[in-house]
């Protein structure tokens, strides 16, 4: 049999080695992509939690600063557990703005199992229907620091579970607190 000196082409061993190297590089690239994607999603959740809590605290603070405005001897506010009622004069002799928590049934189930309940922060003005103000609230607390200052603390939860976060069933939490000075007492 005659052997040729200059065979052109690749052997099966060379092809398998090239395929193995290509597979390893593709696998490493895919792992890197998944890692970066998960970090991006976690950062997005953290940003959403912070924004939700800031917006909620801003709105509650704005309403609290109006507590007692031109209501005479009527109480300027009322705190019952996780419910806050603020009384002021606006469109009626005494307007009432109520913030309360309502269980969010859409997000309380995780893969078919009961998880830590989450709530919606609801806002009700006078006799109008209550409207959802913020989702994914774990708790809200109102503390009277002194007769003219109320501290509002709000804990929100991420919408998605993060597999890299081990506590709280993988859900990240964020707590924000603000002290509000009541401006209109006795006006």
N, C-alpha and C. Protein backbone atom coordinates (compact mmCIF):
# COMPACT_ATOMS: atom_id res chain seq x y z
N UNK A 1 0.82 -1.16 0.00
CA UNK A 1 0.00 0.00 0.00
C UNK A 1 0.88 1.24 0.00
N UNK A 2 0.46 2.14 -0.76
CA UNK A 2 1.24 3.33 -0.92
C UNK A 2 0.76 4.38 0.08
N UNK A 3 1.67 4.99 0.82
CA UNK A 3 1.31 6.04 1.78
C UNK A 3 1.63 7.38 1.15
N UNK A 4 0.76 8.30 1.41
CA UNK A 4 1.00 9.64 0.89
C UNK A 4 1.62 10.48 1.99
N UNK A 5 2.46 11.29 1.59
CA UNK A 5 3.22 12.08 2.53
C UNK A 5 2.45 13.30 3.02
N UNK A 6 1.66 13.86 2.21
CA UNK A 6 0.96 15.11 2.57
C UNK A 6 -0.55 14.88 2.60
N UNK A 7 -1.00 14.17 3.63
CA UNK A 7 -2.45 13.98 3.81
C UNK A 7 -3.07 15.30 4.26
N UNK A 8 -4.17 15.62 3.67
CA UNK A 8 -4.88 16.82 4.06
C UNK A 8 -6.13 16.40 4.82
N UNK A 9 -6.46 17.19 5.92
CA UNK A 9 -7.64 16.89 6.74
C UNK A 9 -7.23 16.65 8.18
N UNK A 10 -8.22 16.40 9.00
CA UNK A 10 -8.00 16.19 10.42
C UNK A 10 -8.32 14.75 10.77
N UNK A 11 -7.64 14.29 11.78
CA UNK A 11 -7.95 12.94 12.28
C UNK A 11 -9.12 13.06 13.25
N UNK A 12 -9.74 11.96 13.56
CA UNK A 12 -10.86 11.94 14.50
C UNK A 12 -10.41 12.38 15.89
N UNK A 13 -9.20 12.06 16.28
CA UNK A 13 -8.67 12.46 17.59
C UNK A 13 -8.54 13.98 17.65
N UNK A 14 -8.03 14.59 16.60
CA UNK A 14 -7.90 16.04 16.57
C UNK A 14 -9.27 16.72 16.63
N UNK A 15 -10.24 16.16 15.95
CA UNK A 15 -11.60 16.71 15.97
C UNK A 15 -12.21 16.60 17.37
N UNK A 16 -12.02 15.47 18.04
CA UNK A 16 -12.57 15.29 19.38
C UNK A 16 -11.92 16.25 20.38
N UNK A 17 -10.62 16.45 20.25
CA UNK A 17 -9.93 17.38 21.14
C UNK A 17 -10.43 18.81 20.91
N UNK A 18 -10.59 19.20 19.66
CA UNK A 18 -11.10 20.54 19.34
C UNK A 18 -12.54 20.70 19.85
N UNK A 19 -13.34 19.68 19.73
CA UNK A 19 -14.71 19.72 20.22
C UNK A 19 -14.74 19.82 21.74
N UNK A 20 -13.86 19.10 22.42
CA UNK A 20 -13.77 19.17 23.88
C UNK A 20 -13.37 20.57 24.34
N UNK A 21 -12.38 21.16 23.72
CA UNK A 21 -11.93 22.50 24.08
C UNK A 21 -13.03 23.53 23.81
N UNK A 22 -13.71 23.41 22.68
CA UNK A 22 -14.81 24.32 22.36
C UNK A 22 -15.94 24.18 23.38
N UNK A 23 -16.25 22.96 23.78
CA UNK A 23 -17.30 22.72 24.79
C UNK A 23 -16.94 23.32 26.13
N UNK A 24 -15.68 23.20 26.54
CA UNK A 24 -15.25 23.78 27.81
C UNK A 24 -15.34 25.30 27.80
N UNK A 25 -14.91 25.90 26.69
CA UNK A 25 -14.98 27.36 26.58
C UNK A 25 -16.44 27.83 26.57
N UNK A 26 -17.30 27.14 25.84
CA UNK A 26 -18.72 27.51 25.78
C UNK A 26 -19.38 27.33 27.15
N UNK A 27 -19.04 26.27 27.84
CA UNK A 27 -19.60 26.03 29.17
C UNK A 27 -19.18 27.12 30.16
N UNK A 28 -17.92 27.52 30.13
CA UNK A 28 -17.43 28.58 31.01
C UNK A 28 -18.13 29.91 30.67
N UNK A 29 -18.30 30.19 29.40
CA UNK A 29 -18.99 31.41 28.98
C UNK A 29 -20.44 31.42 29.42
N UNK A 30 -21.11 30.28 29.32
CA UNK A 30 -22.51 30.19 29.74
C UNK A 30 -22.64 30.36 31.25
N UNK A 31 -21.75 29.77 32.03
CA UNK A 31 -21.75 29.93 33.48
C UNK A 31 -21.53 31.39 33.86
N UNK A 32 -20.62 32.05 33.17
CA UNK A 32 -20.37 33.47 33.42
C UNK A 32 -21.62 34.29 33.12
N UNK A 33 -22.27 34.00 32.00
CA UNK A 33 -23.48 34.72 31.63
C UNK A 33 -24.57 34.53 32.69
N UNK A 34 -24.78 33.32 33.16
CA UNK A 34 -25.80 33.05 34.17
C UNK A 34 -25.48 33.79 35.47
N UNK A 35 -24.23 33.79 35.86
CA UNK A 35 -23.82 34.49 37.07
C UNK A 35 -24.10 35.99 36.97
N UNK A 36 -23.73 36.59 35.86
CA UNK A 36 -23.95 38.03 35.66
C UNK A 36 -25.45 38.33 35.59
N UNK A 37 -26.20 37.47 34.93
CA UNK A 37 -27.65 37.66 34.83
C UNK A 37 -28.30 37.61 36.21
N UNK A 38 -27.92 36.65 37.05
CA UNK A 38 -28.48 36.54 38.40
C UNK A 38 -28.11 37.76 39.24
N UNK A 39 -26.89 38.24 39.11
CA UNK A 39 -26.49 39.44 39.85
C UNK A 39 -27.29 40.66 39.39
N UNK A 40 -27.53 40.75 38.10
CA UNK A 40 -28.32 41.86 37.56
C UNK A 40 -29.74 41.82 38.09
N UNK A 41 -30.34 40.64 38.14
CA UNK A 41 -31.70 40.50 38.66
C UNK A 41 -31.75 40.86 40.14
N UNK A 42 -30.75 40.43 40.92
CA UNK A 42 -30.70 40.75 42.35
C UNK A 42 -30.57 42.25 42.55
N UNK A 43 -29.73 42.90 41.76
CA UNK A 43 -29.56 44.35 41.88
C UNK A 43 -30.85 45.09 41.49
N UNK A 44 -31.55 44.57 40.50
CA UNK A 44 -32.82 45.18 40.10
C UNK A 44 -33.84 45.06 41.23
N UNK A 45 -33.90 43.91 41.89
CA UNK A 45 -34.80 43.73 43.03
C UNK A 45 -34.45 44.67 44.18
N UNK A 46 -33.17 44.79 44.46
CA UNK A 46 -32.73 45.69 45.54
C UNK A 46 -33.12 47.13 45.21
N UNK A 47 -32.91 47.54 43.98
CA UNK A 47 -33.28 48.89 43.56
C UNK A 47 -34.79 49.10 43.67
N UNK A 48 -35.58 48.12 43.25
CA UNK A 48 -37.03 48.22 43.35
C UNK A 48 -37.48 48.32 44.80
N UNK A 49 -36.88 47.52 45.69
CA UNK A 49 -37.24 47.58 47.10
C UNK A 49 -36.96 48.96 47.67
N UNK A 50 -35.79 49.50 47.37
CA UNK A 50 -35.43 50.81 47.89
C UNK A 50 -36.36 51.89 47.34
N UNK A 51 -36.67 51.82 46.07
CA UNK A 51 -37.56 52.81 45.46
C UNK A 51 -38.96 52.72 46.05
N UNK A 52 -39.48 51.50 46.22
CA UNK A 52 -40.81 51.33 46.80
C UNK A 52 -40.87 51.89 48.22
N UNK A 53 -39.86 51.59 49.01
CA UNK A 53 -39.88 52.08 50.39
C UNK A 53 -39.73 53.59 50.45
N UNK A 54 -38.86 54.16 49.62
CA UNK A 54 -38.70 55.62 49.61
C UNK A 54 -39.99 56.32 49.18
N UNK A 55 -40.62 55.80 48.13
CA UNK A 55 -41.86 56.42 47.66
C UNK A 55 -42.96 56.31 48.70
N UNK A 56 -43.05 55.17 49.36
CA UNK A 56 -44.08 54.99 50.39
C UNK A 56 -43.82 55.90 51.58
N UNK A 57 -42.58 55.97 52.04
CA UNK A 57 -42.26 56.84 53.16
C UNK A 57 -42.48 58.31 52.81
N UNK A 58 -42.17 58.68 51.59
CA UNK A 58 -42.39 60.05 51.17
C UNK A 58 -43.89 60.39 51.24
N UNK A 59 -44.72 59.51 50.70
CA UNK A 59 -46.16 59.76 50.68
C UNK A 59 -46.74 59.78 52.10
N UNK A 60 -46.36 58.82 52.93
CA UNK A 60 -46.85 58.80 54.31
C UNK A 60 -46.37 60.04 55.06
N UNK A 61 -45.11 60.40 54.88
CA UNK A 61 -44.57 61.60 55.53
C UNK A 61 -45.28 62.86 55.10
N UNK A 62 -45.55 62.98 53.82
CA UNK A 62 -46.26 64.15 53.30
C UNK A 62 -47.65 64.26 53.93
N UNK A 63 -48.33 63.14 54.04
CA UNK A 63 -49.66 63.14 54.65
C UNK A 63 -49.57 63.44 56.15
N UNK A 64 -48.59 62.84 56.82
CA UNK A 64 -48.44 63.07 58.26
C UNK A 64 -48.13 64.53 58.58
N UNK A 65 -47.36 65.18 57.73
CA UNK A 65 -47.05 66.58 57.98
C UNK A 65 -48.30 67.46 57.95
N UNK A 66 -49.33 66.98 57.28
CA UNK A 66 -50.61 67.71 57.23
C UNK A 66 -51.53 67.35 58.39
N UNK A 67 -51.15 66.41 59.22
CA UNK A 67 -52.01 65.96 60.33
C UNK A 67 -52.38 67.13 61.21
N UNK A 68 -53.68 67.25 61.50
CA UNK A 68 -54.16 68.29 62.40
C UNK A 68 -54.43 69.62 61.74
N UNK A 69 -54.24 69.73 60.44
CA UNK A 69 -54.42 71.02 59.76
C UNK A 69 -55.88 71.44 59.82
N UNK A 70 -56.16 72.51 60.54
CA UNK A 70 -57.48 73.13 60.66
C UNK A 70 -58.59 72.17 61.09
N UNK A 71 -58.30 71.26 62.01
CA UNK A 71 -59.35 70.35 62.50
C UNK A 71 -59.79 70.70 63.91
N UNK A 72 -59.27 71.76 64.47
CA UNK A 72 -59.69 72.20 65.80
C UNK A 72 -59.28 71.21 66.88
N UNK A 73 -60.26 70.75 67.64
CA UNK A 73 -59.96 69.86 68.77
C UNK A 73 -59.90 68.40 68.38
N UNK A 74 -60.18 68.10 67.14
CA UNK A 74 -60.13 66.70 66.68
C UNK A 74 -58.69 66.20 66.74
N UNK A 75 -58.51 64.93 67.07
CA UNK A 75 -57.17 64.33 67.12
C UNK A 75 -56.50 64.45 65.75
N UNK A 76 -55.20 64.75 65.69
CA UNK A 76 -54.55 64.91 64.39
C UNK A 76 -54.26 63.57 63.70
N UNK A 77 -54.11 62.50 64.48
CA UNK A 77 -53.83 61.18 63.91
C UNK A 77 -54.27 60.11 64.90
N UNK A 78 -54.30 58.87 64.38
CA UNK A 78 -54.65 57.72 65.20
C UNK A 78 -53.83 56.54 64.70
N UNK A 79 -53.18 55.84 65.62
CA UNK A 79 -52.36 54.68 65.26
C UNK A 79 -52.95 53.45 65.92
N UNK A 80 -53.28 52.44 65.11
CA UNK A 80 -53.77 51.16 65.61
C UNK A 80 -52.95 50.06 64.93
N UNK A 81 -51.99 49.48 65.63
CA UNK A 81 -51.09 48.45 65.09
C UNK A 81 -50.43 48.92 63.80
N UNK A 82 -50.81 48.31 62.66
CA UNK A 82 -50.20 48.68 61.38
C UNK A 82 -51.09 49.62 60.57
N UNK A 83 -52.02 50.28 61.24
CA UNK A 83 -52.93 51.20 60.57
C UNK A 83 -52.70 52.62 61.09
N UNK A 84 -52.64 53.56 60.18
CA UNK A 84 -52.45 54.97 60.52
C UNK A 84 -53.60 55.76 59.91
N UNK A 85 -54.27 56.54 60.73
CA UNK A 85 -55.31 57.45 60.25
C UNK A 85 -54.84 58.87 60.52
N UNK A 86 -54.90 59.68 59.49
CA UNK A 86 -54.48 61.08 59.60
C UNK A 86 -55.71 61.94 59.32
N UNK A 87 -55.94 62.91 60.21
CA UNK A 87 -57.08 63.80 60.08
C UNK A 87 -56.59 65.21 59.76
N UNK A 88 -57.24 65.84 58.78
CA UNK A 88 -56.88 67.19 58.35
C UNK A 88 -58.08 67.81 57.67
N UNK A 89 -57.99 69.08 57.36
CA UNK A 89 -59.07 69.73 56.63
C UNK A 89 -58.61 69.92 55.19
N UNK A 90 -59.46 69.47 54.31
CA UNK A 90 -59.16 69.60 52.88
C UNK A 90 -60.44 69.89 52.14
N UNK A 91 -61.05 68.83 51.60
CA UNK A 91 -62.29 68.99 50.86
C UNK A 91 -63.51 68.90 51.76
N UNK A 92 -63.35 68.38 52.97
CA UNK A 92 -64.46 68.24 53.93
C UNK A 92 -64.04 68.88 55.24
N UNK A 93 -64.98 69.05 56.18
CA UNK A 93 -64.58 69.61 57.47
C UNK A 93 -63.46 68.82 58.14
N UNK A 94 -63.52 67.51 58.06
CA UNK A 94 -62.41 66.67 58.55
C UNK A 94 -62.19 65.56 57.53
N UNK A 95 -61.09 65.63 56.83
CA UNK A 95 -60.71 64.57 55.89
C UNK A 95 -59.94 63.50 56.65
N UNK A 96 -60.12 62.26 56.24
CA UNK A 96 -59.41 61.14 56.85
C UNK A 96 -58.64 60.40 55.77
N UNK A 97 -57.34 60.24 55.99
CA UNK A 97 -56.50 59.44 55.11
C UNK A 97 -56.01 58.27 55.94
N UNK A 98 -56.28 57.05 55.47
CA UNK A 98 -55.93 55.85 56.21
C UNK A 98 -54.93 55.03 55.41
N UNK A 99 -53.85 54.63 56.07
CA UNK A 99 -52.87 53.69 55.50
C UNK A 99 -52.98 52.40 56.29
N UNK A 100 -53.12 51.29 55.59
CA UNK A 100 -53.22 49.99 56.26
C UNK A 100 -52.66 48.91 55.36
N UNK A 101 -52.40 47.75 55.95
CA UNK A 101 -51.87 46.62 55.19
C UNK A 101 -52.99 45.65 54.85
N UNK A 102 -52.97 45.15 53.63
CA UNK A 102 -53.91 44.12 53.19
C UNK A 102 -53.08 42.98 52.61
N UNK A 103 -53.42 41.76 52.98
CA UNK A 103 -52.65 40.60 52.53
C UNK A 103 -52.67 40.50 51.01
N UNK A 104 -51.50 40.29 50.44
CA UNK A 104 -51.36 40.16 49.00
C UNK A 104 -51.36 38.67 48.67
N UNK A 105 -52.50 38.14 48.24
CA UNK A 105 -52.62 36.70 48.00
C UNK A 105 -51.89 36.26 46.75
N UNK A 106 -51.61 37.16 45.83
CA UNK A 106 -50.90 36.78 44.60
C UNK A 106 -49.46 36.36 44.88
N UNK A 107 -48.85 36.90 45.93
CA UNK A 107 -47.42 36.67 46.15
C UNK A 107 -47.12 35.92 47.43
N UNK A 108 -48.13 35.34 48.09
CA UNK A 108 -47.86 34.68 49.36
C UNK A 108 -47.53 33.20 49.18
N UNK A 109 -47.57 32.70 47.96
CA UNK A 109 -47.26 31.29 47.72
C UNK A 109 -45.92 31.18 46.98
N UNK A 110 -45.09 30.26 47.44
CA UNK A 110 -43.81 30.01 46.80
C UNK A 110 -43.76 28.55 46.43
N UNK A 111 -43.78 28.25 45.16
CA UNK A 111 -43.72 26.89 44.65
C UNK A 111 -44.72 25.97 45.36
N UNK A 112 -45.94 26.47 45.53
CA UNK A 112 -46.99 25.65 46.11
C UNK A 112 -46.97 25.54 47.62
N UNK A 113 -46.02 26.16 48.29
CA UNK A 113 -45.96 26.09 49.73
C UNK A 113 -46.20 27.47 50.32
N UNK A 114 -46.80 27.49 51.51
CA UNK A 114 -47.05 28.76 52.19
C UNK A 114 -45.73 29.35 52.65
N UNK A 115 -45.50 30.60 52.33
CA UNK A 115 -44.28 31.29 52.74
C UNK A 115 -44.67 32.42 53.68
N UNK A 116 -43.69 33.21 54.05
CA UNK A 116 -43.95 34.36 54.90
C UNK A 116 -44.91 35.28 54.14
N UNK A 117 -46.00 35.69 54.79
CA UNK A 117 -46.98 36.52 54.07
C UNK A 117 -46.42 37.89 53.72
N UNK A 118 -46.87 38.40 52.60
CA UNK A 118 -46.54 39.76 52.20
C UNK A 118 -47.84 40.52 52.03
N UNK A 119 -47.73 41.83 52.10
CA UNK A 119 -48.91 42.68 52.11
C UNK A 119 -48.78 43.78 51.08
N UNK A 120 -49.88 44.42 50.85
CA UNK A 120 -49.93 45.65 50.06
C UNK A 120 -50.21 46.78 51.03
N UNK A 121 -49.53 47.88 50.85
CA UNK A 121 -49.85 49.07 51.61
C UNK A 121 -51.00 49.76 50.88
N UNK A 122 -52.11 49.89 51.57
CA UNK A 122 -53.32 50.45 50.99
C UNK A 122 -53.51 51.88 51.51
N UNK A 123 -54.10 52.71 50.67
CA UNK A 123 -54.41 54.09 51.05
C UNK A 123 -55.89 54.33 50.78
N UNK A 124 -56.57 54.80 51.80
CA UNK A 124 -57.99 55.10 51.68
C UNK A 124 -58.21 56.55 52.11
N UNK A 125 -58.83 57.32 51.25
CA UNK A 125 -59.13 58.72 51.55
C UNK A 125 -60.63 58.89 51.68
N UNK A 126 -61.05 59.37 52.85
CA UNK A 126 -62.46 59.58 53.17
C UNK A 126 -63.28 58.33 52.84
N UNK A 127 -64.35 58.47 52.06
CA UNK A 127 -65.20 57.32 51.76
C UNK A 127 -64.88 56.69 50.41
N UNK A 128 -63.80 57.10 49.79
CA UNK A 128 -63.41 56.52 48.51
C UNK A 128 -62.90 55.10 48.72
N UNK A 129 -62.85 54.31 47.67
CA UNK A 129 -62.33 52.95 47.77
C UNK A 129 -60.83 52.98 48.07
N UNK A 130 -60.40 51.98 48.83
CA UNK A 130 -58.97 51.85 49.13
C UNK A 130 -58.22 51.47 47.86
N UNK A 131 -57.03 52.04 47.71
CA UNK A 131 -56.20 51.74 46.54
C UNK A 131 -54.86 51.19 47.00
N UNK A 132 -54.35 50.24 46.25
CA UNK A 132 -53.03 49.69 46.56
C UNK A 132 -51.99 50.75 46.29
N UNK A 133 -51.15 51.00 47.28
CA UNK A 133 -50.13 52.03 47.14
C UNK A 133 -48.78 51.41 46.85
N UNK A 134 -48.43 50.32 47.56
CA UNK A 134 -47.16 49.64 47.36
C UNK A 134 -47.35 48.15 47.59
N UNK A 135 -46.69 47.33 46.77
CA UNK A 135 -46.72 45.87 46.93
C UNK A 135 -45.51 45.39 47.71
N UNK A 136 -45.54 44.13 48.08
CA UNK A 136 -44.42 43.40 48.68
C UNK A 136 -43.96 44.01 50.00
N UNK A 137 -44.89 44.40 50.84
CA UNK A 137 -44.58 44.93 52.16
C UNK A 137 -44.63 43.78 53.16
N UNK A 138 -43.61 43.66 53.99
CA UNK A 138 -43.63 42.66 55.06
C UNK A 138 -44.22 43.24 56.33
N UNK A 139 -43.87 44.49 56.64
CA UNK A 139 -44.43 45.11 57.85
C UNK A 139 -44.28 46.62 57.77
N UNK A 140 -45.12 47.29 58.53
CA UNK A 140 -45.03 48.72 58.70
C UNK A 140 -45.31 49.00 60.17
N UNK A 141 -44.57 49.95 60.73
CA UNK A 141 -44.81 50.32 62.12
C UNK A 141 -44.74 51.83 62.27
N UNK A 142 -45.57 52.32 63.15
CA UNK A 142 -45.64 53.75 63.44
C UNK A 142 -45.33 53.91 64.92
N UNK A 143 -44.35 54.73 65.26
CA UNK A 143 -43.95 54.93 66.65
C UNK A 143 -44.00 56.42 66.96
N UNK A 144 -44.69 56.76 68.05
CA UNK A 144 -44.75 58.14 68.49
C UNK A 144 -43.49 58.42 69.29
N UNK A 145 -42.59 59.23 68.76
CA UNK A 145 -41.33 59.57 69.42
C UNK A 145 -41.58 60.62 70.50
N UNK A 146 -42.32 61.65 70.14
CA UNK A 146 -42.76 62.69 71.08
C UNK A 146 -44.05 63.25 70.50
N UNK A 147 -44.74 64.17 71.18
CA UNK A 147 -46.03 64.64 70.67
C UNK A 147 -46.01 65.24 69.27
N UNK A 148 -44.85 65.66 68.79
CA UNK A 148 -44.81 66.27 67.45
C UNK A 148 -44.00 65.46 66.44
N UNK A 149 -43.54 64.26 66.81
CA UNK A 149 -42.72 63.46 65.90
C UNK A 149 -43.19 62.02 65.89
N UNK A 150 -43.35 61.48 64.68
CA UNK A 150 -43.73 60.08 64.50
C UNK A 150 -42.67 59.42 63.63
N UNK A 151 -42.25 58.23 64.03
CA UNK A 151 -41.28 57.46 63.26
C UNK A 151 -42.03 56.37 62.50
N UNK A 152 -41.81 56.32 61.19
CA UNK A 152 -42.44 55.33 60.33
C UNK A 152 -41.36 54.39 59.84
N UNK A 153 -41.58 53.10 60.05
CA UNK A 153 -40.62 52.09 59.61
C UNK A 153 -41.33 51.12 58.68
N UNK A 154 -40.71 50.84 57.55
CA UNK A 154 -41.31 50.04 56.51
C UNK A 154 -40.33 48.97 56.07
N UNK A 155 -40.76 47.71 56.07
CA UNK A 155 -39.89 46.63 55.58
C UNK A 155 -40.52 46.02 54.34
N UNK A 156 -39.75 46.04 53.24
CA UNK A 156 -40.22 45.51 51.96
C UNK A 156 -39.41 44.28 51.59
N UNK A 157 -39.96 43.48 50.70
CA UNK A 157 -39.32 42.24 50.28
C UNK A 157 -39.18 42.21 48.77
N UNK A 158 -38.15 41.53 48.31
CA UNK A 158 -37.93 41.37 46.87
C UNK A 158 -39.05 40.52 46.26
N UNK A 159 -39.29 40.73 44.98
CA UNK A 159 -40.35 39.97 44.32
C UNK A 159 -39.92 38.56 43.94
N UNK A 160 -38.60 38.37 43.78
CA UNK A 160 -38.09 37.06 43.36
C UNK A 160 -37.15 36.50 44.41
N UNK A 161 -37.13 35.19 44.48
CA UNK A 161 -36.19 34.51 45.36
C UNK A 161 -34.81 34.50 44.69
N UNK A 162 -33.77 34.71 45.49
CA UNK A 162 -32.40 34.74 44.98
C UNK A 162 -31.68 33.51 45.50
N UNK A 163 -31.26 32.62 44.61
CA UNK A 163 -30.63 31.37 45.03
C UNK A 163 -29.29 31.59 45.75
N UNK A 164 -28.67 32.74 45.55
CA UNK A 164 -27.41 33.04 46.23
C UNK A 164 -27.62 33.63 47.62
N UNK A 165 -28.85 33.96 47.95
CA UNK A 165 -29.18 34.56 49.24
C UNK A 165 -29.80 33.47 50.10
N UNK A 166 -29.14 33.13 51.21
CA UNK A 166 -29.56 31.94 51.95
C UNK A 166 -30.61 32.20 53.02
N UNK A 167 -30.66 33.36 53.60
CA UNK A 167 -31.64 33.58 54.67
C UNK A 167 -32.99 33.99 54.10
N UNK A 168 -34.03 33.89 54.91
CA UNK A 168 -35.38 34.31 54.57
C UNK A 168 -35.90 33.64 53.29
N UNK A 169 -35.66 32.36 53.16
CA UNK A 169 -36.10 31.57 52.00
C UNK A 169 -35.59 32.15 50.67
N UNK A 170 -34.49 32.88 50.70
CA UNK A 170 -33.90 33.43 49.49
C UNK A 170 -34.43 34.80 49.11
N UNK A 171 -35.36 35.35 49.88
CA UNK A 171 -35.92 36.66 49.56
C UNK A 171 -35.16 37.75 50.29
N UNK A 172 -34.71 38.73 49.55
CA UNK A 172 -34.01 39.86 50.15
C UNK A 172 -35.03 40.81 50.76
N UNK A 173 -34.62 41.50 51.83
CA UNK A 173 -35.47 42.45 52.51
C UNK A 173 -34.75 43.79 52.62
N UNK A 174 -35.53 44.84 52.74
CA UNK A 174 -34.97 46.16 52.94
C UNK A 174 -35.87 46.90 53.92
N UNK A 175 -35.27 47.52 54.92
CA UNK A 175 -36.02 48.28 55.91
C UNK A 175 -35.62 49.75 55.80
N UNK A 176 -36.63 50.60 55.73
CA UNK A 176 -36.40 52.05 55.68
C UNK A 176 -37.19 52.70 56.80
N UNK A 177 -36.59 53.72 57.39
CA UNK A 177 -37.22 54.41 58.51
C UNK A 177 -37.11 55.91 58.28
N UNK A 178 -38.16 56.62 58.67
CA UNK A 178 -38.15 58.07 58.55
C UNK A 178 -38.88 58.66 59.75
N UNK A 179 -38.33 59.73 60.28
CA UNK A 179 -39.00 60.48 61.35
C UNK A 179 -39.68 61.68 60.72
N UNK A 180 -40.96 61.84 61.07
CA UNK A 180 -41.75 62.92 60.48
C UNK A 180 -42.17 63.88 61.59
N UNK A 181 -41.85 65.14 61.39
CA UNK A 181 -42.25 66.18 62.35
C UNK A 181 -43.61 66.72 61.91
N UNK A 182 -44.58 66.64 62.82
CA UNK A 182 -45.92 67.13 62.53
C UNK A 182 -45.90 68.66 62.58
N UNK A 183 -46.37 69.30 61.54
CA UNK A 183 -46.24 70.75 61.41
C UNK A 183 -47.50 71.52 61.78
N UNK A 184 -48.65 70.87 61.71
CA UNK A 184 -49.90 71.63 61.79
C UNK A 184 -50.70 71.37 63.05
N UNK A 185 -50.05 70.99 64.12
CA UNK A 185 -50.80 70.75 65.36
C UNK A 185 -51.26 72.09 65.93
N UNK A 186 -52.53 72.16 66.25
CA UNK A 186 -53.07 73.37 66.86
C UNK A 186 -53.42 74.47 65.89
N UNK A 187 -53.37 74.20 64.59
CA UNK A 187 -53.72 75.25 63.62
C UNK A 187 -55.20 75.18 63.33
